[in-house]
Protein backbone atom coordinates (compact mmCIF):
# COMPACT_ATOMS: atom_id res chain seq x y z
CA MET A 1 42.75 -10.12 7.26
CA SER A 2 39.34 -11.08 7.54
CA GLU A 3 36.33 -9.10 9.55
CA SER A 4 36.35 -11.55 12.44
CA VAL A 5 40.62 -11.52 12.75
CA GLY A 6 40.34 -7.72 12.43
CA LYS A 7 37.82 -7.35 15.67
CA LEU A 8 39.47 -9.52 17.65
CA VAL A 9 42.92 -7.79 17.13
CA GLU A 10 40.92 -4.86 18.28
CA GLU A 11 39.70 -6.46 20.80
CA LEU A 12 43.20 -7.67 22.26
CA LYS A 13 44.50 -3.75 21.44
CA SER A 14 41.72 -2.46 23.50
CA LEU A 15 43.00 -5.37 26.41
CA GLY A 16 46.80 -4.69 26.29
CA SER A 17 48.20 -2.86 28.84
CA GLU A 18 51.83 -1.14 28.79
CA THR A 19 52.49 -2.46 32.04
CA THR A 20 52.01 -6.01 31.27
CA LYS A 21 53.88 -5.03 27.94
CA ARG A 22 57.02 -4.12 30.03
CA VAL A 23 56.97 -7.37 32.12
CA LEU A 24 56.65 -9.20 28.89
CA MET A 25 59.59 -7.54 27.46
CA LYS A 26 61.86 -8.01 30.08
CA HIS A 27 60.93 -12.22 29.62
CA GLY A 28 61.65 -11.82 25.76
CA ALA A 29 58.38 -11.06 23.86
CA GLN A 30 59.13 -8.73 21.41
CA GLU A 31 56.51 -6.42 18.94
CA PRO A 32 54.34 -6.81 17.84
CA PHE A 33 52.14 -7.29 20.41
CA PHE A 34 49.94 -5.40 22.95
CA GLY A 35 50.23 -6.66 26.58
CA VAL A 36 47.09 -8.68 27.23
CA LYS A 37 46.73 -10.77 30.34
CA ILE A 38 46.46 -14.81 30.13
CA GLU A 39 43.09 -14.21 31.99
CA HIS A 40 41.99 -11.89 29.01
CA LEU A 41 42.77 -13.92 26.84
CA LYS A 42 41.39 -17.46 28.61
CA LYS A 43 37.96 -15.35 28.40
CA ILE A 44 38.06 -14.66 24.77
CA GLN A 45 38.82 -18.54 24.37
CA LYS A 46 35.31 -19.64 26.71
CA ARG A 47 33.66 -17.57 24.48
CA ILE A 48 35.20 -19.10 21.16
CA LYS A 49 36.27 -22.55 21.97
CA LYS A 50 37.61 -24.29 19.27
CA ASP A 51 37.75 -22.72 15.92
CA TYR A 52 40.59 -24.30 12.99
CA GLN A 53 40.42 -21.21 10.81
CA LEU A 54 40.24 -18.36 12.87
CA ALA A 55 43.44 -20.25 14.94
CA LEU A 56 45.45 -20.23 12.01
CA ASP A 57 44.20 -17.02 10.74
CA LEU A 58 45.37 -15.45 13.92
CA TYR A 59 48.84 -16.83 14.43
CA ASP A 60 49.28 -15.57 10.90
CA THR A 61 49.09 -12.31 12.18
CA GLY A 62 52.25 -12.28 13.74
CA ILE A 63 50.86 -10.82 16.97
CA SER A 64 52.21 -11.84 20.12
CA ASP A 65 48.99 -11.96 21.87
CA ALA A 66 46.97 -13.30 18.81
CA MET A 67 49.15 -16.15 18.47
CA TYR A 68 48.88 -17.43 21.74
CA LEU A 69 45.06 -17.01 22.03
CA ALA A 70 45.52 -19.14 18.55
CA GLY A 71 46.86 -21.89 20.36
CA LEU A 72 44.37 -22.12 22.76
CA ILE A 73 40.87 -22.12 20.49
CA ALA A 74 43.20 -24.29 17.87
CA ASP A 75 41.61 -27.70 17.06
CA ASP A 76 44.18 -29.63 17.82
CA ALA A 77 42.87 -32.57 16.01
CA ARG A 78 42.31 -30.93 12.73
CA MET A 79 46.20 -29.65 13.08
CA THR A 80 48.00 -30.88 9.45
CA LYS A 81 51.96 -31.27 10.32
CA LYS A 82 52.23 -28.41 7.49
CA ASP A 83 50.43 -26.11 10.15
CA LEU A 84 52.12 -27.18 12.57
CA GLN A 85 55.70 -26.63 11.18
CA ARG A 86 54.71 -23.10 9.86
CA TRP A 87 53.87 -22.36 13.75
CA VAL A 88 57.05 -23.27 15.11
CA LYS A 89 58.91 -21.53 12.48
CA GLY A 90 57.14 -18.35 13.41
CA ALA A 91 57.45 -18.90 16.89
CA TYR A 92 59.61 -15.78 17.99
CA TRP A 93 60.01 -16.28 21.83
CA TYR A 94 59.35 -18.66 24.14
CA MET A 95 56.06 -18.24 25.13
CA LEU A 96 54.99 -19.27 21.84
CA SER A 97 58.13 -21.77 21.26
CA GLU A 98 57.41 -23.50 24.42
CA TYR A 99 53.62 -23.20 25.29
CA THR A 100 51.47 -22.54 22.47
CA VAL A 101 52.86 -24.55 19.71
CA PRO A 102 53.68 -27.42 21.69
CA TRP A 103 50.22 -27.81 23.57
CA VAL A 104 48.87 -27.94 20.28
CA ALA A 105 51.05 -30.38 18.62
CA SER A 106 51.29 -32.94 21.55
CA GLY A 107 47.25 -32.65 21.01
CA SER A 108 47.64 -33.56 17.73
CA LYS A 109 48.08 -36.74 15.61
CA HIS A 110 51.41 -35.18 14.55
CA GLY A 111 52.93 -34.45 18.39
CA HIS A 112 55.07 -37.53 18.73
CA ASP A 113 57.21 -37.21 15.38
CA LEU A 114 57.52 -33.73 14.93
CA ALA A 115 58.74 -33.46 18.80
CA LEU A 116 61.32 -36.01 17.76
CA GLU A 117 62.49 -33.35 14.66
CA TRP A 118 62.13 -30.39 16.36
CA ILE A 119 64.66 -31.45 19.19
CA GLU A 120 67.19 -32.31 16.51
CA SER A 121 67.08 -28.62 15.39
CA LYS A 122 69.90 -26.02 15.40
CA ASN A 123 67.38 -23.53 16.16
CA GLU A 124 67.30 -23.15 19.98
CA LEU A 125 63.62 -21.88 19.98
CA ILE A 126 62.26 -25.21 17.77
CA ALA A 127 64.26 -27.42 19.77
CA SER A 128 62.83 -26.15 23.14
CA ALA A 129 59.31 -26.58 21.32
CA GLY A 130 60.43 -29.92 20.62
CA TRP A 131 61.74 -30.78 24.20
CA ALA A 132 58.34 -29.18 25.61
CA THR A 133 56.17 -31.21 22.57
CA LEU A 134 57.49 -34.26 24.04
CA SER A 135 57.50 -33.57 28.13
CA SER A 136 53.74 -32.83 27.16
CA LEU A 137 52.87 -36.20 25.45
CA VAL A 138 54.95 -37.89 28.30
CA SER A 139 52.92 -35.94 31.20
C-alpha cells in the first residue's frame, strides 16, 4: 500500500462510526469497512478532485469506504476496460455495484459496451451494475 493510500485509509478509519457501520450492515455492507458517512467522503473528494492512480489503488484495498471514495475521485476518461472489469468483479455489495462502478463506467468510453455485457451476467451484482450503467447513460 502506497503512503498516500495508507494515509487516506487511516483518515477514513478515523472518520468511521459504529452507528453508521451498523446501519450499512443492515443494508448489506460487508467487512472490511469503517462506516464513513458519504458527506465525509465528499469532503475528501473536494480536496483530491480527480486522481486516476489513487482511485485504482483505493479500490484495490477492498475496503468499502475506500472503494466508494475511489469512484468519487476516478478519472472516468482514463479508466480502461480492464480497470472497469476488475472493479465490477470486486463490487461485493450494491453500493459498489449499483453506484460506484456504474457512475465511473458511464463516464468512460467503455460504458455502453460494458453495460450490455454486464446485464447478461449470471452474477446478480454484475448484472445490476450493467443495468445501472445503462440507465445512467440514458439519463
